[in-house]
């Protein structure tokens, strides 16, 4: 039974070799000529004017989370729309409950001011 997995093991080993050997050769044989231009931080063509570890506003993350939530909503709506005739009234009601919960969450975020940007 284990002999069935031998081709998979060979494939994984060869794949790792094809990935690791060129990287290792490039690291070992590659030229190293550091200068101030190569070692300087690159940020849009000009010198950095603030610390890279600055804090972001919480609203940035809230907007990102809202985007993910509504993106997932659309990801669930497409398959539901395809099989709507097959799932019938129960599927339609389940999707209405799902959409209702998302709308309640959206209204909550709206009332809390998460969508307001200064």
N, C-alpha and C. Protein backbone atom coordinates (compact mmCIF):
# COMPACT_ATOMS: atom_id res chain seq x y z
N UNK A 1 0.82 -1.19 0.00
CA UNK A 1 0.00 0.00 0.00
C UNK A 1 0.87 1.27 0.00
N UNK A 2 1.97 1.25 0.76
CA UNK A 2 2.82 2.43 0.80
C UNK A 2 3.54 2.67 -0.53
N UNK A 3 3.67 1.63 -1.34
CA UNK A 3 4.33 1.83 -2.64
C UNK A 3 3.50 2.72 -3.56
N UNK A 4 2.21 2.89 -3.27
CA UNK A 4 1.37 3.80 -4.06
C UNK A 4 1.76 5.26 -3.82
N UNK A 5 2.36 5.54 -2.68
CA UNK A 5 2.75 6.91 -2.34
C UNK A 5 4.17 7.25 -2.79
N UNK A 6 4.91 6.31 -3.29
CA UNK A 6 6.28 6.56 -3.73
C UNK A 6 6.36 7.62 -4.82
N UNK A 7 5.51 7.58 -5.87
CA UNK A 7 5.60 8.66 -6.87
C UNK A 7 5.33 10.05 -6.28
N UNK A 8 4.45 10.13 -5.30
CA UNK A 8 4.16 11.42 -4.67
C UNK A 8 5.39 11.90 -3.89
N UNK A 9 6.04 10.98 -3.18
CA UNK A 9 7.25 11.34 -2.44
C UNK A 9 8.36 11.80 -3.39
N UNK A 10 8.53 11.08 -4.49
CA UNK A 10 9.55 11.48 -5.48
C UNK A 10 9.22 12.85 -6.06
N UNK A 11 7.95 13.09 -6.35
CA UNK A 11 7.52 14.39 -6.87
C UNK A 11 7.81 15.51 -5.88
N UNK A 12 7.52 15.29 -4.60
CA UNK A 12 7.78 16.30 -3.59
C UNK A 12 9.27 16.58 -3.43
N UNK A 13 10.09 15.52 -3.44
CA UNK A 13 11.53 15.70 -3.29
C UNK A 13 12.10 16.46 -4.49
N UNK A 14 11.69 16.09 -5.70
CA UNK A 14 12.17 16.80 -6.89
C UNK A 14 11.70 18.25 -6.90
N UNK A 15 10.48 18.48 -6.48
CA UNK A 15 9.97 19.85 -6.41
C UNK A 15 10.77 20.70 -5.43
N UNK A 16 11.08 20.13 -4.28
CA UNK A 16 11.89 20.85 -3.31
C UNK A 16 13.30 21.12 -3.85
N UNK A 17 13.87 20.14 -4.54
CA UNK A 17 15.20 20.34 -5.11
C UNK A 17 15.19 21.43 -6.17
N UNK A 18 14.16 21.44 -7.02
CA UNK A 18 14.08 22.48 -8.05
C UNK A 18 13.86 23.86 -7.45
N UNK A 19 13.33 23.93 -6.25
CA UNK A 19 13.12 25.22 -5.60
C UNK A 19 14.34 25.65 -4.79
N UNK A 20 14.94 24.73 -4.06
CA UNK A 20 16.00 25.08 -3.11
C UNK A 20 17.36 25.22 -3.80
N UNK A 21 17.67 24.36 -4.75
CA UNK A 21 19.01 24.39 -5.38
C UNK A 21 19.26 25.71 -6.12
N UNK A 22 18.37 26.20 -6.98
CA UNK A 22 18.66 27.50 -7.63
C UNK A 22 18.76 28.66 -6.64
N UNK A 23 17.92 28.65 -5.60
CA UNK A 23 18.02 29.72 -4.61
C UNK A 23 19.34 29.66 -3.87
N UNK A 24 19.75 28.46 -3.50
CA UNK A 24 21.02 28.32 -2.81
C UNK A 24 22.19 28.72 -3.68
N UNK A 25 22.17 28.31 -4.94
CA UNK A 25 23.25 28.69 -5.86
C UNK A 25 23.29 30.20 -6.06
N UNK A 26 22.16 30.81 -6.19
CA UNK A 26 22.12 32.27 -6.35
C UNK A 26 22.65 32.98 -5.13
N UNK A 27 22.33 32.45 -3.96
CA UNK A 27 22.80 33.07 -2.72
C UNK A 27 24.31 32.90 -2.56
N UNK A 28 24.81 31.72 -2.90
CA UNK A 28 26.24 31.44 -2.73
C UNK A 28 27.08 32.11 -3.81
N UNK A 29 26.66 32.00 -5.06
CA UNK A 29 27.48 32.48 -6.17
C UNK A 29 27.16 33.91 -6.60
N UNK A 30 26.09 34.49 -6.07
CA UNK A 30 25.69 35.83 -6.49
C UNK A 30 26.67 36.90 -6.04
N UNK A 31 26.79 37.99 -6.83
CA UNK A 31 27.72 39.06 -6.45
C UNK A 31 27.18 39.85 -5.24
N UNK A 32 28.10 40.24 -4.40
CA UNK A 32 27.75 41.06 -3.24
C UNK A 32 28.55 42.36 -3.33
N UNK A 33 27.89 43.40 -3.77
CA UNK A 33 28.54 44.71 -3.88
C UNK A 33 27.64 45.76 -3.23
N UNK A 34 27.54 45.75 -1.91
CA UNK A 34 26.65 46.71 -1.26
C UNK A 34 27.21 48.13 -1.34
N UNK A 35 26.33 49.08 -1.52
CA UNK A 35 26.70 50.49 -1.45
C UNK A 35 25.56 51.23 -0.75
N UNK A 36 25.72 52.50 -0.54
CA UNK A 36 24.73 53.25 0.22
C UNK A 36 23.38 53.29 -0.49
N UNK A 37 23.38 53.30 -1.81
CA UNK A 37 22.13 53.36 -2.56
C UNK A 37 21.35 52.05 -2.42
N UNK A 38 22.04 50.93 -2.47
CA UNK A 38 21.36 49.64 -2.34
C UNK A 38 20.86 49.39 -0.92
N UNK A 39 21.55 49.89 0.06
CA UNK A 39 21.19 49.64 1.44
C UNK A 39 20.19 50.65 2.00
N UNK A 40 19.90 51.70 1.24
CA UNK A 40 18.96 52.71 1.73
C UNK A 40 17.52 52.21 1.58
N UNK A 41 16.63 52.64 2.46
CA UNK A 41 15.23 52.23 2.34
C UNK A 41 14.57 52.89 1.14
N UNK A 42 13.80 52.12 0.42
CA UNK A 42 13.12 52.64 -0.76
C UNK A 42 11.65 52.84 -0.44
N UNK A 43 11.17 54.06 -0.60
CA UNK A 43 9.77 54.34 -0.36
C UNK A 43 9.31 55.38 -1.37
N UNK A 44 8.79 54.93 -2.48
CA UNK A 44 8.21 55.80 -3.50
C UNK A 44 9.20 56.81 -4.07
N UNK A 45 10.46 56.50 -4.06
CA UNK A 45 11.44 57.37 -4.70
C UNK A 45 11.97 58.49 -3.84
N UNK A 46 11.54 58.61 -2.60
CA UNK A 46 12.07 59.68 -1.74
C UNK A 46 12.35 59.12 -0.35
N UNK A 47 13.09 59.87 0.41
CA UNK A 47 13.46 59.43 1.75
C UNK A 47 12.23 59.34 2.64
N UNK A 48 12.24 58.36 3.54
CA UNK A 48 11.12 58.20 4.47
C UNK A 48 11.07 59.40 5.41
N UNK A 49 9.86 59.91 5.65
CA UNK A 49 9.73 61.08 6.50
C UNK A 49 9.10 60.75 7.85
N UNK A 50 8.66 59.51 8.06
CA UNK A 50 8.10 59.09 9.34
C UNK A 50 8.64 57.72 9.69
N UNK A 51 8.36 57.32 10.91
CA UNK A 51 8.75 55.99 11.37
C UNK A 51 7.88 54.96 10.66
N UNK A 52 8.48 53.86 10.24
CA UNK A 52 7.73 52.82 9.54
C UNK A 52 6.77 52.09 10.46
N UNK A 53 6.97 52.21 11.77
CA UNK A 53 6.11 51.52 12.73
C UNK A 53 5.05 52.46 13.30
N UNK A 54 4.54 53.38 12.48
CA UNK A 54 3.51 54.29 12.97
C UNK A 54 2.18 53.55 13.12
N UNK A 55 1.33 54.06 14.00
CA UNK A 55 0.06 53.42 14.26
C UNK A 55 -0.98 53.88 13.24
N UNK A 56 -1.83 52.92 12.83
CA UNK A 56 -2.92 53.24 11.94
C UNK A 56 -4.18 53.48 12.76
N UNK A 57 -5.07 54.26 12.22
CA UNK A 57 -6.34 54.51 12.87
C UNK A 57 -7.17 53.23 12.87
N UNK A 58 -7.94 53.01 13.90
CA UNK A 58 -8.75 51.81 14.03
C UNK A 58 -9.78 51.74 12.90
N UNK A 59 -10.23 52.88 12.43
CA UNK A 59 -11.25 52.89 11.37
C UNK A 59 -10.73 52.24 10.09
N UNK A 60 -9.44 52.30 9.88
CA UNK A 60 -8.87 51.63 8.71
C UNK A 60 -9.16 50.13 8.78
N UNK A 61 -8.96 49.55 9.95
CA UNK A 61 -9.21 48.12 10.12
C UNK A 61 -10.70 47.80 10.06
N UNK A 62 -11.53 48.69 10.59
CA UNK A 62 -12.97 48.47 10.54
C UNK A 62 -13.48 48.46 9.10
N UNK A 63 -12.98 49.37 8.29
CA UNK A 63 -13.37 49.39 6.89
C UNK A 63 -12.89 48.13 6.18
N UNK A 64 -11.69 47.66 6.53
CA UNK A 64 -11.18 46.43 5.92
C UNK A 64 -12.03 45.24 6.32
N UNK A 65 -12.44 45.17 7.59
CA UNK A 65 -13.29 44.07 8.03
C UNK A 65 -14.65 44.14 7.36
N UNK A 66 -15.21 45.34 7.22
CA UNK A 66 -16.48 45.49 6.52
C UNK A 66 -16.37 45.04 5.07
N UNK A 67 -15.27 45.38 4.43
CA UNK A 67 -15.08 44.93 3.05
C UNK A 67 -15.06 43.41 2.98
N UNK A 68 -14.36 42.76 3.90
CA UNK A 68 -14.30 41.30 3.89
C UNK A 68 -15.69 40.71 4.13
N UNK A 69 -16.44 41.28 5.06
CA UNK A 69 -17.78 40.77 5.34
C UNK A 69 -18.66 40.85 4.11
N UNK A 70 -18.69 41.99 3.45
CA UNK A 70 -19.57 42.14 2.30
C UNK A 70 -19.03 41.42 1.07
N UNK A 71 -17.75 41.21 1.01
CA UNK A 71 -17.18 40.39 -0.06
C UNK A 71 -17.61 38.94 0.12
N UNK A 72 -17.60 38.45 1.35
CA UNK A 72 -18.08 37.09 1.63
C UNK A 72 -19.57 36.97 1.35
N UNK A 73 -20.31 38.04 1.60
CA UNK A 73 -21.74 38.02 1.30
C UNK A 73 -21.95 37.76 -0.19
N UNK A 74 -21.23 38.44 -1.02
CA UNK A 74 -21.36 38.24 -2.46
C UNK A 74 -20.92 36.83 -2.84
N UNK A 75 -19.87 36.32 -2.18
CA UNK A 75 -19.41 34.96 -2.48
C UNK A 75 -20.48 33.92 -2.14
N UNK A 76 -21.32 34.20 -1.13
CA UNK A 76 -22.40 33.28 -0.80
C UNK A 76 -23.63 33.50 -1.69
N UNK A 77 -23.80 34.70 -2.21
CA UNK A 77 -24.99 34.98 -3.03
C UNK A 77 -24.93 34.31 -4.40
N UNK A 78 -23.78 34.22 -5.01
CA UNK A 78 -23.70 33.63 -6.35
C UNK A 78 -24.11 32.16 -6.37
N UNK A 79 -23.54 31.30 -5.53
CA UNK A 79 -23.99 29.90 -5.56
C UNK A 79 -25.46 29.75 -5.17
N UNK A 80 -25.92 30.58 -4.25
CA UNK A 80 -27.32 30.54 -3.85
C UNK A 80 -28.23 30.89 -5.03
N UNK A 81 -27.85 31.89 -5.80
CA UNK A 81 -28.67 32.29 -6.94
C UNK A 81 -28.70 31.20 -8.01
N UNK A 82 -27.62 30.44 -8.14
CA UNK A 82 -27.57 29.39 -9.16
C UNK A 82 -28.53 28.25 -8.82
N UNK A 83 -28.62 27.89 -7.55
CA UNK A 83 -29.45 26.74 -7.15
C UNK A 83 -30.76 27.17 -6.49
N UNK A 84 -31.20 28.38 -6.73
CA UNK A 84 -32.39 28.90 -6.07
C UNK A 84 -33.63 28.06 -6.38
N UNK A 85 -33.80 27.64 -7.61
CA UNK A 85 -34.97 26.84 -7.97
C UNK A 85 -34.95 25.47 -7.29
N UNK A 86 -33.77 24.91 -7.07
CA UNK A 86 -33.66 23.59 -6.46
C UNK A 86 -33.90 23.62 -4.95
N UNK A 87 -33.49 24.68 -4.27
CA UNK A 87 -33.62 24.70 -2.82
C UNK A 87 -34.97 25.23 -2.36
N UNK A 88 -35.68 25.92 -3.22
CA UNK A 88 -37.04 26.32 -2.93
C UNK A 88 -37.19 27.39 -1.88
N UNK A 89 -38.34 27.34 -1.21
CA UNK A 89 -38.71 28.37 -0.25
C UNK A 89 -37.78 28.36 0.98
N UNK A 90 -37.39 27.18 1.44
CA UNK A 90 -36.50 27.09 2.60
C UNK A 90 -35.17 27.79 2.33
N UNK A 91 -34.61 27.59 1.15
CA UNK A 91 -33.35 28.24 0.80
C UNK A 91 -33.49 29.74 0.70
N UNK A 92 -34.63 30.19 0.15
CA UNK A 92 -34.87 31.63 0.04
C UNK A 92 -35.00 32.26 1.42
N UNK A 93 -35.72 31.60 2.33
CA UNK A 93 -35.87 32.13 3.68
C UNK A 93 -34.54 32.13 4.44
N UNK A 94 -33.74 31.07 4.26
CA UNK A 94 -32.43 31.02 4.92
C UNK A 94 -31.53 32.15 4.43
N UNK A 95 -31.58 32.45 3.14
CA UNK A 95 -30.77 33.54 2.61
C UNK A 95 -31.29 34.88 3.08
N UNK A 96 -32.61 35.01 3.24
CA UNK A 96 -33.15 36.26 3.76
C UNK A 96 -32.71 36.49 5.21
N UNK A 97 -32.65 35.43 6.00
CA UNK A 97 -32.15 35.56 7.37
C UNK A 97 -30.68 35.96 7.35
N UNK A 98 -29.91 35.34 6.48
CA UNK A 98 -28.49 35.67 6.35
C UNK A 98 -28.30 37.12 5.94
N UNK A 99 -29.04 37.57 4.95
CA UNK A 99 -28.92 38.95 4.50
C UNK A 99 -29.43 39.92 5.57
N UNK A 100 -30.46 39.50 6.29
CA UNK A 100 -30.96 40.35 7.37
C UNK A 100 -29.92 40.58 8.46
N UNK A 101 -29.20 39.52 8.82
CA UNK A 101 -28.13 39.66 9.82
C UNK A 101 -27.03 40.59 9.32
N UNK A 102 -26.71 40.48 8.05
CA UNK A 102 -25.68 41.37 7.50
C UNK A 102 -26.15 42.82 7.47
N UNK A 103 -27.42 43.03 7.17
CA UNK A 103 -27.95 44.39 7.14
C UNK A 103 -27.96 44.97 8.55
N UNK A 104 -28.33 44.17 9.55
CA UNK A 104 -28.30 44.64 10.94
C UNK A 104 -26.86 45.02 11.32
N UNK A 105 -25.89 44.21 10.94
CA UNK A 105 -24.49 44.55 11.21
C UNK A 105 -24.06 45.82 10.50
N UNK A 106 -24.51 45.98 9.27
CA UNK A 106 -24.17 47.18 8.50
C UNK A 106 -24.77 48.43 9.16
N UNK A 107 -26.02 48.34 9.59
CA UNK A 107 -26.66 49.48 10.25
C UNK A 107 -25.95 49.80 11.57
N UNK A 108 -25.56 48.77 12.30
CA UNK A 108 -24.83 48.99 13.55
C UNK A 108 -23.52 49.73 13.29
N UNK A 109 -22.77 49.30 12.29
CA UNK A 109 -21.51 49.97 11.96
C UNK A 109 -21.76 51.40 11.51
N UNK A 110 -22.83 51.61 10.77
CA UNK A 110 -23.16 52.94 10.29
C UNK A 110 -23.50 53.86 11.46
N UNK A 111 -24.30 53.37 12.40
CA UNK A 111 -24.69 54.18 13.56
C UNK A 111 -23.50 54.46 14.48
N UNK A 112 -22.56 53.52 14.57
CA UNK A 112 -21.37 53.72 15.40
C UNK A 112 -20.38 54.69 14.77
N UNK A 113 -20.55 55.00 13.49
CA UNK A 113 -19.66 55.94 12.82
C UNK A 113 -18.43 55.31 12.21
N UNK A 114 -18.45 54.00 12.01
CA UNK A 114 -17.28 53.33 11.45
C UNK A 114 -17.09 53.69 9.98
N UNK A 115 -18.14 54.12 9.32
CA UNK A 115 -18.03 54.44 7.90
C UNK A 115 -17.68 55.92 7.65
N UNK A 116 -17.65 56.70 8.72
CA UNK A 116 -17.29 58.11 8.59
C UNK A 116 -15.79 58.25 8.51
N UNK A 117 -15.32 58.94 7.52
CA UNK A 117 -13.88 59.13 7.34
C UNK A 117 -13.57 60.62 7.41
N UNK A 118 -12.59 60.99 8.21
CA UNK A 118 -12.25 62.40 8.38
C UNK A 118 -11.24 62.85 7.37
